[in-house]
Amino acid sequence: MSVHMLQARVVIRVFQVTYWPNLDVRDGSEIKLGAFGDLRLGKRYALGLIARTSGAADEVARVGRLAKHIVESPYKALREKYEEIWNSPNPADSLERCIARRHTSLVFSAPERIEKTTSVVDFQENAEVAKTWCMDDLRPILRARYTRWMGLAESPPSNGREPREQFAELDDQQPEAPQRAVG
C-alpha cells in the first residue's frame, strides 16, 4: 500500500521599507525603517511588520516637517500602514496597492521571495496548529531578514531603537481580529 503525503506550496515575501530624504542622492541617504512580510498557504494569509521604535537624532534632522513623524517613530508610522492594509476587505490586495503606490520618499523594496512546500497532514489533524502556523513560520524569516538588513547583532539594542512587531493571519481572505500580536 502506498501512502501519499499531501504537500502545500508556501509563498513568503519580505519588503524592506526605507525613507529617502533626498531622492537626488541615492547612495547612503536612505533611512532604514522596517520590514513588511506576507505569507500565503492556500487560503491562509499572514501579514507581519517589524520596525524600529525610534529614529536617531541625525536622521530626524535630515527630514522635512511633513515626514518627521515617520522617522521619529517608524514603528508607529508603519503600524498605521499595517492597520490600513489588515483592516481592508482583502489584505493581500491592499498590500499590493500600497506597494504600487508612490509614497513620495517612503519606498517599499522589490520583494525577497521564498517558496517552499510543507506537509498539510498536521493542519488537517489539528485546527489550532493550522491557525498559528503561518505566523510562526513568517516571524523568524522576517526577523532574520530585518536583523541582517539593519546590521544588528542577534540580540537587538536596548537604546530605544529595538524593533517592535505585529503579526496576524486569516483564512479564506475574510478579515478577523489578529490572532496574536507581539510588541
Protein backbone atom coordinates (compact mmCIF):
# COMPACT_ATOMS: atom_id res chain seq x y z
CA MET A 1 0.00 0.00 0.00
CA SER A 2 1.35 3.45 -0.85
CA VAL A 3 0.75 6.47 1.31
CA HIS A 4 0.52 9.86 -0.38
CA MET A 5 1.86 12.82 1.53
CA LEU A 6 -0.14 15.97 0.85
CA GLN A 7 2.13 18.94 0.23
CA ALA A 8 1.14 22.59 0.08
CA ARG A 9 3.03 25.44 -1.56
CA VAL A 10 4.07 28.28 0.73
CA VAL A 11 5.00 31.70 -0.67
CA ILE A 12 6.71 34.22 1.61
CA ARG A 13 7.66 37.76 0.60
CA VAL A 14 9.73 40.27 2.55
CA PHE A 15 9.76 44.00 1.73
CA GLN A 16 12.25 46.45 3.20
CA VAL A 17 10.82 49.90 3.92
CA THR A 18 13.07 52.94 3.73
CA TYR A 19 12.68 56.68 3.71
CA TRP A 20 14.74 58.72 1.23
CA PRO A 21 15.11 62.32 2.46
CA ASN A 22 16.98 63.28 -0.72
CA LEU A 23 15.84 61.47 -3.86
CA ASP A 24 18.67 63.04 -5.87
CA VAL A 25 21.34 61.42 -3.66
CA ARG A 26 20.57 57.71 -3.73
CA ASP A 27 23.74 56.22 -2.23
CA GLY A 28 23.74 56.34 1.55
CA SER A 29 20.93 58.82 2.05
CA GLU A 30 18.25 56.25 2.90
CA ILE A 31 16.89 55.81 6.39
CA LYS A 32 16.03 52.19 7.16
CA LEU A 33 12.67 51.97 8.90
CA GLY A 34 11.50 48.37 8.96
CA ALA A 35 10.21 45.38 7.02
CA PHE A 36 6.84 44.03 5.96
CA GLY A 37 6.33 40.38 5.13
CA ASP A 38 3.45 38.23 3.99
CA LEU A 39 2.86 34.51 3.67
CA ARG A 40 0.35 32.59 1.59
CA LEU A 41 -0.55 28.97 2.19
CA GLY A 42 -3.65 28.03 0.23
CA LYS A 43 -6.42 30.21 1.61
CA ARG A 44 -4.42 31.22 4.68
CA TYR A 45 -2.73 34.60 4.64
CA ALA A 46 -0.40 36.14 7.22
CA LEU A 47 0.96 39.66 7.38
CA GLY A 48 3.88 40.81 9.50
CA LEU A 49 5.67 44.05 10.34
CA ILE A 50 8.94 44.66 12.16
CA ALA A 51 10.12 48.24 12.52
CA ARG A 52 12.41 50.41 14.60
CA THR A 53 10.77 52.13 17.54
CA SER A 54 12.59 55.43 17.02
CA GLY A 55 14.92 57.23 14.67
CA ALA A 56 18.30 58.70 15.53
CA ALA A 57 18.53 62.45 16.07
CA ASP A 58 20.74 62.90 12.98
CA GLU A 59 18.17 61.04 10.85
CA VAL A 60 15.29 63.16 12.15
CA ALA A 61 17.30 66.32 11.40
CA ARG A 62 17.64 65.25 7.72
CA VAL A 63 13.89 65.14 7.00
CA GLY A 64 11.31 67.82 6.45
CA ARG A 65 8.44 68.73 8.72
CA LEU A 66 5.88 66.56 6.92
CA ALA A 67 7.94 63.37 7.23
CA LYS A 68 9.33 63.96 10.70
CA HIS A 69 6.71 61.70 12.32
CA ILE A 70 7.76 58.78 10.08
CA VAL A 71 11.44 58.96 11.02
CA GLU A 72 10.86 59.87 14.69
CA SER A 73 8.58 56.85 15.25
CA PRO A 74 8.99 54.34 12.39
CA TYR A 75 7.01 51.59 14.12
CA LYS A 76 4.06 53.88 14.81
CA ALA A 77 4.02 55.21 11.23
CA LEU A 78 4.35 51.78 9.62
CA ARG A 79 1.84 50.30 12.05
CA GLU A 80 -0.71 52.76 10.63
CA LYS A 81 0.03 51.34 7.15
CA TYR A 82 -0.22 47.83 8.58
CA GLU A 83 -3.64 48.54 10.14
CA GLU A 84 -4.85 50.13 6.89
CA ILE A 85 -3.82 47.01 4.98
CA TRP A 86 -5.10 44.49 7.54
CA ASN A 87 -8.47 46.15 8.04
CA SER A 88 -9.27 46.26 4.33
CA PRO A 89 -11.70 43.69 2.83
CA ASN A 90 -8.76 41.86 1.20
CA PRO A 91 -5.40 42.45 2.94
CA ALA A 92 -3.34 40.69 0.24
CA ASP A 93 -4.71 43.01 -2.46
CA SER A 94 -4.41 46.02 -0.19
CA LEU A 95 -0.70 45.30 0.38
CA GLU A 96 -0.18 45.12 -3.39
CA ARG A 97 -1.88 48.51 -3.84
CA CYS A 98 0.18 50.01 -1.01
CA ILE A 99 3.44 48.81 -2.56
CA ALA A 100 2.43 50.02 -6.03
CA ARG A 101 1.51 53.50 -4.77
CA ARG A 102 4.17 56.13 -4.75
CA HIS A 103 4.64 57.40 -1.22
CA THR A 104 6.95 60.22 -2.24
CA SER A 105 10.08 59.28 -0.31
CA LEU A 106 8.69 56.22 1.54
CA VAL A 107 9.85 53.24 -0.51
CA PHE A 108 8.98 49.53 -0.40
CA SER A 109 11.76 47.41 -1.91
CA ALA A 110 11.22 44.73 -4.51
CA PRO A 111 10.17 41.62 -2.60
CA GLU A 112 12.56 38.95 -1.50
CA ARG A 113 10.56 35.87 -2.40
CA ILE A 114 10.84 32.49 -0.67
CA GLU A 115 8.92 29.47 -1.94
CA LYS A 116 8.76 26.11 -0.24
CA THR A 117 6.43 23.20 0.37
CA THR A 118 5.11 21.84 3.64
CA SER A 119 3.09 18.82 4.68
CA VAL A 120 -0.59 19.59 5.28
CA VAL A 121 -1.24 16.49 7.42
CA ASP A 122 -0.66 18.40 10.68
CA PHE A 123 -3.13 21.08 9.62
CA GLN A 124 -5.87 18.55 8.90
CA GLU A 125 -5.46 16.87 12.28
CA ASN A 126 -5.11 19.93 14.49
CA ALA A 127 -7.03 23.13 13.78
CA GLU A 128 -5.00 25.11 16.36
CA VAL A 129 -1.77 24.22 14.56
CA ALA A 130 -3.24 25.50 11.30
CA LYS A 131 -4.38 28.68 13.00
CA THR A 132 -0.93 29.80 14.11
CA TRP A 133 1.43 28.01 11.69
CA CYS A 134 1.57 30.86 9.17
CA MET A 135 2.60 33.48 11.73
CA ASP A 136 5.03 31.10 13.39
CA ASP A 137 6.65 30.37 10.02
CA LEU A 138 6.74 34.01 8.87
CA ARG A 139 8.04 35.52 12.14
CA PRO A 140 11.60 34.02 12.20
CA ILE A 141 12.12 34.70 8.49
CA LEU A 142 11.05 38.33 8.82
CA ARG A 143 13.12 38.77 12.00
CA ALA A 144 16.24 37.31 10.36
CA ARG A 145 15.92 39.47 7.23
CA TYR A 146 15.25 42.60 9.31
CA THR A 147 18.18 41.91 11.63
CA ARG A 148 20.58 41.24 8.75
CA TRP A 149 19.39 44.29 6.76
CA MET A 150 19.64 46.64 9.72
CA GLY A 151 23.11 45.31 10.53
CA LEU A 152 22.09 44.35 14.06
CA ALA A 153 23.59 41.66 16.25
CA GLU A 154 21.27 38.74 17.03
CA SER A 155 20.05 40.47 20.18
CA PRO A 156 18.50 43.89 19.47
CA PRO A 157 19.93 47.03 21.06
CA SER A 158 18.25 48.40 24.16
CA ASN A 159 18.71 52.09 23.33
CA GLY A 160 15.13 52.77 22.24
CA ARG A 161 15.83 51.52 18.70
CA GLU A 162 14.88 47.92 19.32
CA PRO A 163 12.29 46.63 16.86
CA ARG A 164 8.60 46.14 17.56
CA GLU A 165 6.46 43.59 15.77
CA GLN A 166 2.91 42.99 14.63
CA PHE A 167 1.65 39.74 13.07
CA ALA A 168 -1.80 38.50 12.13
CA GLU A 169 -3.32 35.87 9.89
CA LEU A 170 -6.66 34.98 8.41
CA ASP A 171 -8.30 32.16 6.50
CA ASP A 172 -10.22 32.40 3.23
CA GLN A 173 -9.45 36.13 2.85
CA GLN A 174 -12.06 37.10 5.48
CA PRO A 175 -10.80 39.80 7.87
CA GLU A 176 -10.71 38.89 11.53
CA ALA A 177 -9.06 40.23 14.62
CA PRO A 178 -5.33 39.44 14.80
CA GLN A 179 -4.71 36.00 16.27
CA ARG A 180 -1.61 37.14 18.08
CA ALA A 181 0.20 40.43 18.36
CA VAL A 182 3.68 40.97 19.77
CA GLY A 183 5.31 44.24 20.60
